Structure formats: structure tokens, C-alpha cells
Amino acid sequence: MASRGSETRCLLTQRGVHVTVLAVANTLAEVLAMEELPKPFQDFKRDFPTVHESYEALASAAHDAGPLDPKTRRLVKLGISIGGRLEGAVRAHTRQAKDAGLSVEELEHVALLALTTIGLPTTVAARSWIRDELGLS
């Protein structure tokens, strides 16, 4: 899977629902990032493999269901995470956005846009999580 453009396909069947999942790994770094999941998430995956597979299939289907390009989807996911004040998700989506080629300025702009909607404390917290994840704190 380390070569550019390699693919992994699987068919997931869960309660009569059939979903084909196609994961494309563009770089070795992307593959390694998939392996560096937080321990609680790894534990969940180990303890509930069928649920985890279904969750991943749903996430893939949601990403592929609309017209947004990958970079825009990464920005949206980061914004949702900030709005929910979900530190772990902000950190994860920051890493994914960086890996997708988004700039520090673009990521910080997402945090700044939260200011008038959800307030200064959440904006400052989210910006600190983003900067920390990017090694800028």
C-alpha cells in the first residue's frame, strides 16, 4: 500500500446493507497516519471491529456523496469539530487537512470564522489545538 495510488477494496455487509469501500493511499505518510490513531480509538476498533468497519464505510460514503472536493471537505470537518468543541477531532482533522495540502493560514482562518458564531473562548481553544497539532505552539 505504500506506492502512490495503491488501492484497497472491501465489501461490507451489515444487516442487509452492502457498501463498497475504496481507500486510496497516495503517499506513505498517509498510510502511516492511518496507523497512528489515538489509543482509545484503536481500543474501540479492536473491541468492536464490525461497528468500526460500518463506521468507516459510512464515513467513506458520506465523503463520496457530494460535490465538495477533498480540501473543502477537510475544512468543513475541521469547522464542525471546532463548533462541537471536540479537541480530539480538531486535532485529527487538522492533521488530515495538513496532509491534504491545506496551509496553516487556511486552518487558522477556519478557527477565526468560529468567533462570531460560537464565541471567543472556543475560537481561542480551537486555534491553540490547531497550532499545537502543527507544532506552532
Protein backbone atom coordinates (compact mmCIF):
# COMPACT_ATOMS: atom_id res chain seq x y z
CA MET A 1 0.00 0.00 0.00
CA ALA A 2 2.98 2.36 0.21
CA SER A 3 3.12 3.04 -3.51
CA ARG A 4 1.35 6.07 -4.96
CA GLY A 5 -2.22 5.37 -6.00
CA SER A 6 -2.49 1.91 -4.49
CA GLU A 7 -5.99 0.77 -3.62
CA THR A 8 -7.72 -1.34 -1.03
CA ARG A 9 -11.25 -2.60 -1.66
CA CYS A 10 -13.62 -4.39 0.64
CA LEU A 11 -17.31 -5.26 0.65
CA LEU A 12 -19.06 -4.72 3.95
CA THR A 13 -22.35 -6.42 4.63
CA GLN A 14 -24.20 -5.33 7.74
CA ARG A 15 -27.87 -6.12 8.25
CA GLY A 16 -28.60 -6.38 4.55
CA VAL A 17 -26.77 -3.17 3.61
CA HIS A 18 -23.96 -3.62 1.08
CA VAL A 19 -21.32 -0.91 0.82
CA THR A 20 -18.18 -0.99 -1.28
CA VAL A 21 -15.32 0.90 0.32
CA LEU A 22 -12.44 2.15 -1.77
CA ALA A 23 -9.49 3.62 0.08
CA VAL A 24 -6.71 5.20 -1.94
CA ALA A 25 -3.38 5.80 -0.25
CA ASN A 26 -1.47 8.48 -2.15
CA THR A 27 1.65 8.57 -0.02
CA LEU A 28 3.48 6.53 2.57
CA ALA A 29 2.83 9.34 5.08
CA GLU A 30 -0.92 8.92 4.55
CA VAL A 31 -0.66 5.20 5.24
CA LEU A 32 1.43 5.79 8.38
CA ALA A 33 -1.03 8.45 9.60
CA MET A 34 -3.80 5.84 9.37
CA GLU A 35 -1.78 3.64 11.72
CA GLU A 36 -1.20 6.39 14.30
CA LEU A 37 -4.71 6.57 15.68
CA PRO A 38 -5.23 7.53 19.33
CA LYS A 39 -5.19 4.56 21.70
CA PRO A 40 -8.87 4.89 22.72
CA PHE A 41 -9.83 4.73 19.04
CA GLN A 42 -7.55 1.72 18.49
CA ASP A 43 -9.15 0.04 21.51
CA PHE A 44 -12.64 0.73 20.12
CA LYS A 45 -11.59 -0.69 16.76
CA ARG A 46 -10.20 -3.83 18.43
CA ASP A 47 -13.19 -4.33 20.74
CA PHE A 48 -15.93 -3.60 18.17
CA PRO A 49 -14.50 -4.43 14.74
CA THR A 50 -17.84 -4.76 12.96
CA VAL A 51 -19.07 -1.43 14.31
CA HIS A 52 -15.76 0.20 13.36
CA GLU A 53 -15.93 -1.20 9.81
CA SER A 54 -19.50 0.07 9.46
CA TYR A 55 -18.48 3.50 10.77
CA GLU A 56 -15.60 3.72 8.29
CA ALA A 57 -17.88 2.65 5.43
CA LEU A 58 -20.42 5.31 6.41
CA ALA A 59 -17.70 7.97 6.58
CA SER A 60 -16.42 6.99 3.14
CA ALA A 61 -19.91 7.02 1.65
CA ALA A 62 -20.63 10.46 3.14
CA HIS A 63 -17.38 11.87 1.70
CA ASP A 64 -18.17 10.50 -1.74
CA ALA A 65 -21.86 11.51 -1.76
CA GLY A 66 -21.47 15.16 -2.69
CA PRO A 67 -19.69 17.66 -4.89
CA LEU A 68 -17.16 19.02 -2.37
CA ASP A 69 -13.51 18.49 -3.22
CA PRO A 70 -11.25 16.80 -0.63
CA LYS A 71 -9.70 20.05 0.66
CA THR A 72 -13.09 21.68 1.17
CA ARG A 73 -14.35 18.56 2.95
CA ARG A 74 -11.34 18.75 5.30
CA LEU A 75 -12.14 22.39 6.11
CA VAL A 76 -15.79 21.57 6.76
CA LYS A 77 -14.88 18.66 9.05
CA LEU A 78 -12.48 20.92 10.96
CA GLY A 79 -15.19 23.58 11.32
CA ILE A 80 -17.72 21.05 12.60
CA SER A 81 -15.17 19.78 15.12
CA ILE A 82 -14.46 23.32 16.32
CA GLY A 83 -18.18 24.02 16.67
CA GLY A 84 -18.59 20.90 18.76
CA ARG A 85 -15.56 21.88 20.83
CA LEU A 86 -14.17 18.40 20.21
CA GLU A 87 -10.46 18.70 20.91
CA GLY A 88 -9.54 15.24 19.64
CA ALA A 89 -11.49 15.75 16.44
CA VAL A 90 -9.98 19.23 15.91
CA ARG A 91 -6.52 17.71 16.25
CA ALA A 92 -7.32 14.78 13.92
CA HIS A 93 -8.92 16.98 11.26
CA THR A 94 -6.02 19.43 11.50
CA ARG A 95 -3.60 16.58 10.70
CA GLN A 96 -5.80 15.35 7.87
CA ALA A 97 -6.16 18.87 6.45
CA LYS A 98 -2.41 19.42 6.60
CA ASP A 99 -1.86 16.08 4.85
CA ALA A 100 -4.37 17.19 2.18
CA GLY A 101 -2.19 20.22 1.46
CA LEU A 102 -4.03 22.96 3.34
CA SER A 103 -1.92 25.80 4.70
CA VAL A 104 -1.54 26.98 8.29
CA GLU A 105 -3.31 30.20 7.28
CA GLU A 106 -6.30 28.29 5.89
CA LEU A 107 -6.61 26.20 9.05
CA GLU A 108 -6.33 29.22 11.34
CA HIS A 109 -8.94 31.01 9.23
CA VAL A 110 -11.40 28.21 9.99
CA ALA A 111 -10.84 28.79 13.73
CA LEU A 112 -11.21 32.55 13.28
CA LEU A 113 -14.53 32.13 11.46
CA ALA A 114 -15.89 30.43 14.59
CA LEU A 115 -15.54 33.68 16.55
CA THR A 116 -18.86 35.32 15.75
CA THR A 117 -20.82 32.07 15.79
CA ILE A 118 -19.59 30.25 18.88
CA GLY A 119 -17.54 32.85 20.72
CA LEU A 120 -14.03 33.83 21.70
CA PRO A 121 -13.24 31.07 24.23
CA THR A 122 -13.93 28.26 21.75
CA THR A 123 -12.13 30.12 18.96
CA VAL A 124 -9.03 30.60 21.11
CA ALA A 125 -9.13 26.99 22.31
CA ALA A 126 -9.52 25.65 18.75
CA ARG A 127 -6.70 27.83 17.46
CA SER A 128 -4.43 26.56 20.24
CA TRP A 129 -5.29 22.93 19.38
CA ILE A 130 -4.60 23.58 15.68
CA ARG A 131 -1.29 25.36 16.35
CA ASP A 132 -0.25 22.68 18.82
CA GLU A 133 -1.01 19.91 16.31
CA LEU A 134 1.01 21.77 13.66
CA GLY A 135 3.93 22.23 16.06
CA LEU A 136 3.46 26.01 16.22
CA SER A 137 2.60 26.45 19.91
